[in-house]
Protein backbone atom coordinates (compact mmCIF):
# COMPACT_ATOMS: atom_id res chain seq x y z
CA MET A 1 85.82 102.34 87.50
CA ASP A 2 84.19 99.18 85.41
CA VAL A 3 86.91 100.00 82.67
CA LEU A 4 89.73 99.93 85.43
CA ASN A 5 88.50 96.84 86.95
CA ASP A 6 88.22 95.20 83.52
CA ILE A 7 92.16 96.03 83.11
CA TYR A 8 92.77 94.36 86.60
CA GLU A 9 90.95 91.34 85.59
CA ARG A 10 93.06 90.93 82.24
CA SER A 11 96.50 92.04 83.51
CA GLY A 12 96.43 92.16 87.30
CA ALA A 13 96.67 95.26 89.67
CA TYR A 14 99.48 97.01 91.33
CA TYR A 15 99.74 98.46 94.64
CA ASP A 16 102.84 100.99 95.19
CA SER A 17 103.60 102.28 98.43
CA GLN A 18 107.11 102.92 100.74
CA LEU A 19 107.69 102.14 104.22
CA SER A 20 110.43 104.11 106.50
CA ILE A 21 111.89 102.33 109.40
CA MET A 22 113.73 104.79 111.77
CA LEU A 23 117.16 103.82 113.10
CA PRO A 24 118.26 106.92 115.44
CA GLY A 25 121.41 107.77 116.43
CA GLN A 26 124.92 106.35 116.06
CA ASP A 27 123.51 102.75 116.98
CA GLY A 28 121.18 103.30 114.32
CA ALA A 29 123.58 104.11 111.47
CA LYS A 30 125.60 101.12 112.52
CA ARG A 31 122.76 98.85 112.43
CA LEU A 32 121.75 100.40 108.83
CA GLN A 33 125.04 99.10 107.50
CA GLU A 34 124.36 95.88 109.21
CA ILE A 35 121.03 95.59 107.58
CA MET A 36 122.26 96.14 104.21
CA SER A 37 125.29 94.13 104.35
CA SER A 38 123.54 90.98 105.97
CA THR A 39 120.66 91.18 103.41
CA ARG A 40 123.49 91.22 100.68
CA ILE A 41 124.94 87.85 102.44
CA ASN A 42 121.50 86.37 103.21
CA PRO A 43 119.27 87.76 100.28
CA ILE A 44 115.44 87.64 100.53
CA ASP A 45 114.11 84.32 98.47
CA ALA A 46 110.75 84.38 99.06
CA ILE A 47 107.68 86.10 101.03
CA GLU A 48 104.54 83.99 101.58
CA GLY A 49 105.79 81.55 99.16
CA ASN A 50 106.22 84.25 96.35
CA ARG A 51 109.71 83.41 95.18
CA VAL A 52 112.46 85.91 94.35
CA VAL A 53 113.35 85.23 90.81
CA ARG A 54 115.89 88.04 90.58
CA TRP A 55 117.61 90.47 92.72
CA GLU A 56 119.94 93.47 91.92
CA ASP A 57 122.60 94.79 93.81
CA TYR A 58 123.32 98.48 92.77
CA LYS A 59 126.29 99.04 95.22
CA GLU A 60 128.04 95.67 93.95
CA ARG A 61 126.71 96.13 90.42
CA LYS A 62 125.38 92.68 90.09
CA ILE A 63 122.31 90.81 89.06
CA HIS A 64 121.48 87.78 90.64
CA GLU A 65 119.28 85.10 88.93
CA GLY A 66 119.40 81.77 90.00
CA GLU A 67 122.93 80.74 90.32
CA GLN A 68 123.84 83.07 87.53
CA ILE A 69 125.52 86.38 88.27
CA THR A 70 126.01 89.06 85.75
CA GLU A 71 127.06 92.79 85.65
CA LEU A 72 124.50 95.56 86.65
CA SER A 73 125.35 98.56 83.96
CA GLY A 74 123.60 101.68 83.28
CA PHE A 75 122.96 102.98 86.62
CA ASP A 76 125.12 104.90 89.23
CA VAL A 77 126.64 103.04 92.17
CA ALA A 78 124.14 103.33 94.97
CA ASP A 79 123.39 101.38 98.37
CA VAL A 80 120.45 99.83 97.05
CA LEU A 81 119.02 96.29 96.58
CA LYS A 82 115.88 95.29 94.33
CA TYR A 83 114.08 91.97 94.52
CA TYR A 84 111.85 90.85 91.71
CA PHE A 85 109.25 88.44 92.62
CA GLU A 86 107.79 85.48 90.29
CA ASP A 87 104.23 87.36 90.52
CA GLY A 88 105.72 90.35 89.12
CA SER A 89 105.97 92.56 92.19
CA PHE A 90 109.08 94.04 93.49
CA ILE A 91 110.70 95.40 96.58
CA ALA A 92 113.70 97.97 96.73
CA ILE A 93 115.60 98.51 100.08
CA ARG A 94 117.82 101.51 100.44
CA PRO A 95 119.32 103.52 103.47
CA SER A 96 118.29 107.30 103.48
CA GLY A 97 121.12 109.60 102.43
CA THR A 98 119.95 112.32 104.72
CA GLU A 99 118.16 110.61 107.74
CA PRO A 100 118.91 107.68 109.93
CA LYS A 101 116.40 105.44 108.32
CA CYS A 102 115.91 102.45 105.89
CA LYS A 103 113.61 103.00 103.10
CA VAL A 104 111.53 100.12 101.34
CA TYR A 105 109.72 100.73 98.25
CA PHE A 106 106.82 98.32 97.34
CA SER A 107 105.19 97.68 93.72
CA ILE A 108 102.98 94.47 94.87
CA LYS A 109 101.13 92.83 92.11
CA ASP A 110 97.84 90.48 92.54
CA GLU A 111 94.54 89.73 90.54
CA THR A 112 92.73 92.86 92.13
CA TYR A 113 93.55 96.25 93.45
CA ASP A 114 92.11 95.21 96.90
CA LYS A 115 94.05 91.76 96.74
CA ALA A 116 97.32 93.85 95.93
CA ARG A 117 96.55 96.32 98.79
CA ALA A 118 95.82 93.44 101.27
CA LYS A 119 99.26 91.63 100.15
CA ASN A 120 101.16 95.02 100.22
CA GLU A 121 99.96 95.34 104.19
CA ARG A 122 101.55 91.65 104.74
CA TYR A 123 104.77 92.60 102.92
CA HIS A 124 104.97 95.79 104.90
CA GLN A 125 104.77 93.55 107.98
CA PHE A 126 107.37 91.12 106.77
CA MET A 127 109.68 93.64 105.82
CA SER A 128 109.46 95.51 109.23
CA GLU A 129 110.29 92.29 110.78
CA PHE A 130 112.86 91.36 108.41
CA LEU A 131 114.83 94.53 108.76
CA LYS A 132 114.71 94.61 112.57
C-alpha cells in the first residue's frame, strides 16, 4: 500500500463510480429526454469551483472547448454528454437504452484516494440535484 500511496502523491488518485437515477413510466421517459436536451442547452460549467474545460456531445458530434466548437469523430452517434474538468476528473451522462433511468459515470481525481472518494460523493450529490 505504501507504493500505491507514493504514486498517488506524485500523480494524484482517481475514484471511479456510477450513479443511476430512475425515471419510471411515460413521464420518466419524457423527463429523461428533457434532461438531456436541457443539459445540451445549459451545460455544466463547474462543480465546487472545478471548471469544465471541455465537453463532448456524442449525439451532435461536437467538442466544446471555451468558445471553440469542433467536430467529434471516431465514435458512434450516441446520446451521451461527457464533461472534462480542469483537475483531470470527468463525468459522462447517458440515458439507459433498456431501462427508464439516467446513468452518470464518474472518474474523479484528487490528491489522495480518500480525498477523491469524498469528492466523488459530493459530485454524486450535485448530479442527483442537477438531474432532477
